[in-house]
């Protein structure tokens, strides 16, 4: 599905001007139909999958319990 620059900015949660710059720089692939640039939504699927994986890894890391320190000597 193709989206306009404005729709892409809403989809990505970015400012419209930044998305326009990314398309013009080639960082986001887009096509020009003679009137406006259109961006294929499927190119962001891998990005969002990787983002979810990283979020899960960070959450797992933060929820991991700290193992007891073996160097602590009992004073009793």
N, C-alpha and C. Protein backbone atom coordinates (compact mmCIF):
# COMPACT_ATOMS: atom_id res chain seq x y z
N UNK A 1 0.84 -1.16 0.00
CA UNK A 1 0.00 0.00 0.00
C UNK A 1 0.89 1.24 0.00
N UNK A 2 0.57 2.17 -0.84
CA UNK A 2 1.35 3.40 -0.93
C UNK A 2 0.71 4.49 -0.09
N UNK A 3 1.56 5.29 0.55
CA UNK A 3 1.10 6.38 1.41
C UNK A 3 1.74 7.68 0.94
N UNK A 4 1.08 8.78 1.21
CA UNK A 4 1.65 10.09 0.93
C UNK A 4 2.69 10.40 2.01
N UNK A 5 3.41 11.49 1.81
CA UNK A 5 4.41 11.92 2.79
C UNK A 5 3.74 12.19 4.14
N UNK A 6 2.59 12.85 4.11
CA UNK A 6 1.88 13.18 5.36
C UNK A 6 1.43 11.91 6.08
N UNK A 7 0.89 10.95 5.34
CA UNK A 7 0.44 9.69 5.94
C UNK A 7 1.63 8.92 6.51
N UNK A 8 2.75 8.95 5.80
CA UNK A 8 3.96 8.27 6.26
C UNK A 8 4.46 8.91 7.56
N UNK A 9 4.42 10.22 7.63
CA UNK A 9 4.86 10.92 8.85
C UNK A 9 3.98 10.52 10.03
N UNK A 10 2.66 10.44 9.81
CA UNK A 10 1.76 10.00 10.88
C UNK A 10 2.05 8.55 11.27
N UNK A 11 2.28 7.71 10.29
CA UNK A 11 2.54 6.28 10.52
C UNK A 11 3.82 6.08 11.34
N UNK A 12 4.85 6.88 11.03
CA UNK A 12 6.14 6.74 11.71
C UNK A 12 6.24 7.61 12.96
N UNK A 13 5.32 8.53 13.14
CA UNK A 13 5.39 9.44 14.28
C UNK A 13 6.51 10.44 14.15
N UNK A 14 6.75 10.91 12.93
CA UNK A 14 7.82 11.86 12.66
C UNK A 14 7.23 13.13 12.06
N UNK A 15 7.96 14.23 12.13
CA UNK A 15 7.50 15.45 11.46
C UNK A 15 7.49 15.27 9.94
N UNK A 16 6.55 15.93 9.28
CA UNK A 16 6.40 15.83 7.82
C UNK A 16 7.68 16.28 7.13
N UNK A 17 8.26 17.36 7.58
CA UNK A 17 9.47 17.90 6.94
C UNK A 17 10.62 16.90 7.01
N UNK A 18 10.74 16.18 8.11
CA UNK A 18 11.81 15.19 8.25
C UNK A 18 11.61 14.03 7.27
N UNK A 19 10.36 13.60 7.11
CA UNK A 19 10.07 12.52 6.16
C UNK A 19 10.37 12.99 4.74
N UNK A 20 10.01 14.23 4.43
CA UNK A 20 10.31 14.79 3.10
C UNK A 20 11.81 14.78 2.86
N UNK A 21 12.58 15.19 3.84
CA UNK A 21 14.04 15.20 3.69
C UNK A 21 14.57 13.79 3.50
N UNK A 22 14.06 12.82 4.26
CA UNK A 22 14.52 11.44 4.13
C UNK A 22 14.21 10.88 2.75
N UNK A 23 13.06 11.22 2.20
CA UNK A 23 12.71 10.74 0.86
C UNK A 23 13.63 11.36 -0.18
N UNK A 24 13.86 12.66 -0.06
CA UNK A 24 14.74 13.34 -1.02
C UNK A 24 16.18 12.86 -0.92
N UNK A 25 16.63 12.50 0.29
CA UNK A 25 17.99 11.99 0.49
C UNK A 25 18.11 10.53 0.09
N UNK A 26 16.98 9.83 -0.04
CA UNK A 26 17.01 8.42 -0.39
C UNK A 26 17.04 7.51 0.82
N UNK A 27 16.93 8.05 2.02
CA UNK A 27 16.91 7.21 3.22
C UNK A 27 15.60 6.47 3.35
N UNK A 28 14.53 7.05 2.83
CA UNK A 28 13.24 6.38 2.69
C UNK A 28 12.96 6.30 1.20
N UNK A 29 12.68 5.11 0.72
CA UNK A 29 12.42 4.94 -0.71
C UNK A 29 11.02 5.42 -1.04
N UNK A 30 10.93 6.23 -2.08
CA UNK A 30 9.65 6.74 -2.51
C UNK A 30 9.63 6.89 -4.02
N UNK A 31 8.44 6.98 -4.57
CA UNK A 31 8.29 7.20 -6.00
C UNK A 31 7.52 8.50 -6.21
N UNK A 32 7.81 9.15 -7.31
CA UNK A 32 7.14 10.40 -7.63
C UNK A 32 6.16 10.11 -8.76
N UNK A 33 4.88 10.38 -8.53
CA UNK A 33 3.86 10.08 -9.53
C UNK A 33 3.54 11.27 -10.43
N UNK A 34 4.37 12.28 -10.40
CA UNK A 34 4.14 13.47 -11.20
C UNK A 34 3.60 14.62 -10.38
N UNK A 35 2.92 14.31 -9.29
CA UNK A 35 2.36 15.34 -8.42
C UNK A 35 2.95 15.31 -7.03
N UNK A 36 3.15 14.11 -6.51
CA UNK A 36 3.62 13.97 -5.13
C UNK A 36 4.45 12.70 -5.00
N UNK A 37 5.17 12.62 -3.89
CA UNK A 37 5.93 11.42 -3.59
C UNK A 37 5.02 10.43 -2.85
N UNK A 38 5.17 9.16 -3.19
CA UNK A 38 4.44 8.10 -2.52
C UNK A 38 5.45 7.11 -1.95
N UNK A 39 5.14 6.60 -0.77
CA UNK A 39 6.04 5.70 -0.05
C UNK A 39 5.32 4.38 0.17
N UNK A 40 6.02 3.28 -0.11
CA UNK A 40 5.44 1.95 0.11
C UNK A 40 5.54 1.60 1.59
N UNK A 41 4.42 1.27 2.18
CA UNK A 41 4.36 1.00 3.63
C UNK A 41 5.13 -0.27 4.01
N UNK A 42 5.22 -1.23 3.12
CA UNK A 42 5.84 -2.51 3.47
C UNK A 42 7.33 -2.40 3.75
N UNK A 43 7.98 -1.31 3.34
CA UNK A 43 9.42 -1.18 3.61
C UNK A 43 9.71 -0.95 5.09
N UNK A 44 8.68 -0.66 5.88
CA UNK A 44 8.89 -0.41 7.30
C UNK A 44 8.59 -1.64 8.16
N UNK A 45 8.13 -2.73 7.57
CA UNK A 45 7.77 -3.92 8.34
C UNK A 45 8.96 -4.47 9.11
N UNK A 46 10.10 -4.60 8.45
CA UNK A 46 11.29 -5.13 9.11
C UNK A 46 11.74 -4.21 10.23
N UNK A 47 11.67 -2.91 10.01
CA UNK A 47 12.05 -1.93 11.04
C UNK A 47 11.20 -2.14 12.29
N UNK A 48 9.88 -2.27 12.13
CA UNK A 48 9.01 -2.41 13.29
C UNK A 48 9.20 -3.77 13.96
N UNK A 49 9.50 -4.82 13.20
CA UNK A 49 9.79 -6.12 13.80
C UNK A 49 11.06 -6.05 14.64
N UNK A 50 12.10 -5.40 14.11
CA UNK A 50 13.35 -5.26 14.85
C UNK A 50 13.16 -4.40 16.09
N UNK A 51 12.35 -3.36 15.97
CA UNK A 51 12.08 -2.49 17.10
C UNK A 51 11.38 -3.25 18.22
N UNK A 52 10.41 -4.09 17.87
CA UNK A 52 9.72 -4.90 18.88
C UNK A 52 10.67 -5.89 19.54
N UNK A 53 11.57 -6.48 18.75
CA UNK A 53 12.55 -7.42 19.30
C UNK A 53 13.46 -6.72 20.30
N UNK A 54 13.94 -5.55 19.96
CA UNK A 54 14.82 -4.81 20.85
C UNK A 54 14.08 -4.40 22.12
N UNK A 55 12.84 -3.96 21.98
CA UNK A 55 12.05 -3.59 23.16
C UNK A 55 11.88 -4.79 24.09
N UNK A 56 11.61 -5.97 23.52
CA UNK A 56 11.46 -7.18 24.32
C UNK A 56 12.77 -7.54 25.02
N UNK A 57 13.89 -7.42 24.31
CA UNK A 57 15.19 -7.73 24.91
C UNK A 57 15.52 -6.79 26.06
N UNK A 58 15.23 -5.51 25.89
CA UNK A 58 15.48 -4.55 26.96
C UNK A 58 14.59 -4.85 28.15
N UNK A 59 13.33 -5.16 27.90
CA UNK A 59 12.41 -5.50 28.99
C UNK A 59 12.88 -6.74 29.74
N UNK A 60 13.31 -7.76 29.00
CA UNK A 60 13.82 -8.98 29.64
C UNK A 60 15.06 -8.67 30.48
N UNK A 61 15.94 -7.83 29.95
CA UNK A 61 17.16 -7.47 30.68
C UNK A 61 16.83 -6.73 31.97
N UNK A 62 15.89 -5.80 31.89
CA UNK A 62 15.53 -5.03 33.08
C UNK A 62 14.79 -5.86 34.12
N UNK A 63 14.10 -6.90 33.70
CA UNK A 63 13.35 -7.75 34.62
C UNK A 63 14.19 -8.90 35.16
N UNK A 64 15.39 -9.08 34.65
CA UNK A 64 16.26 -10.17 35.09
C UNK A 64 16.76 -9.89 36.49
N UNK A 65 16.70 -10.90 37.34
CA UNK A 65 17.14 -10.73 38.72
C UNK A 65 18.66 -10.75 38.78
N UNK A 66 19.18 -9.98 39.72
CA UNK A 66 20.62 -9.91 39.90
C UNK A 66 21.04 -11.12 40.73
N UNK A 67 22.00 -11.90 40.25
CA UNK A 67 22.44 -13.07 41.03
C UNK A 67 23.20 -12.63 42.27
N UNK A 68 23.18 -13.44 43.31
CA UNK A 68 23.91 -13.07 44.53
C UNK A 68 25.41 -13.04 44.24
N UNK A 69 26.10 -12.15 44.92
CA UNK A 69 27.53 -11.99 44.74
C UNK A 69 28.25 -13.09 45.50
N UNK A 70 29.10 -13.81 44.83
CA UNK A 70 29.83 -14.92 45.45
C UNK A 70 30.98 -14.44 46.32
N UNK A 71 31.38 -13.20 46.15
CA UNK A 71 32.53 -12.69 46.91
C UNK A 71 32.17 -12.19 48.29
N UNK A 72 30.89 -12.17 48.61
CA UNK A 72 30.48 -11.70 49.94
C UNK A 72 30.81 -12.79 50.96
N UNK A 73 31.54 -12.41 51.99
CA UNK A 73 31.93 -13.36 53.02
C UNK A 73 31.02 -13.19 54.21
N UNK A 74 30.59 -14.29 54.73
CA UNK A 74 29.70 -14.26 55.91
C UNK A 74 30.56 -13.93 57.13
N UNK A 75 30.20 -12.89 57.87
CA UNK A 75 30.97 -12.43 59.02
C UNK A 75 30.64 -13.22 60.29
N UNK A 76 29.62 -14.03 60.24
CA UNK A 76 29.22 -14.76 61.47
C UNK A 76 30.20 -15.80 61.83
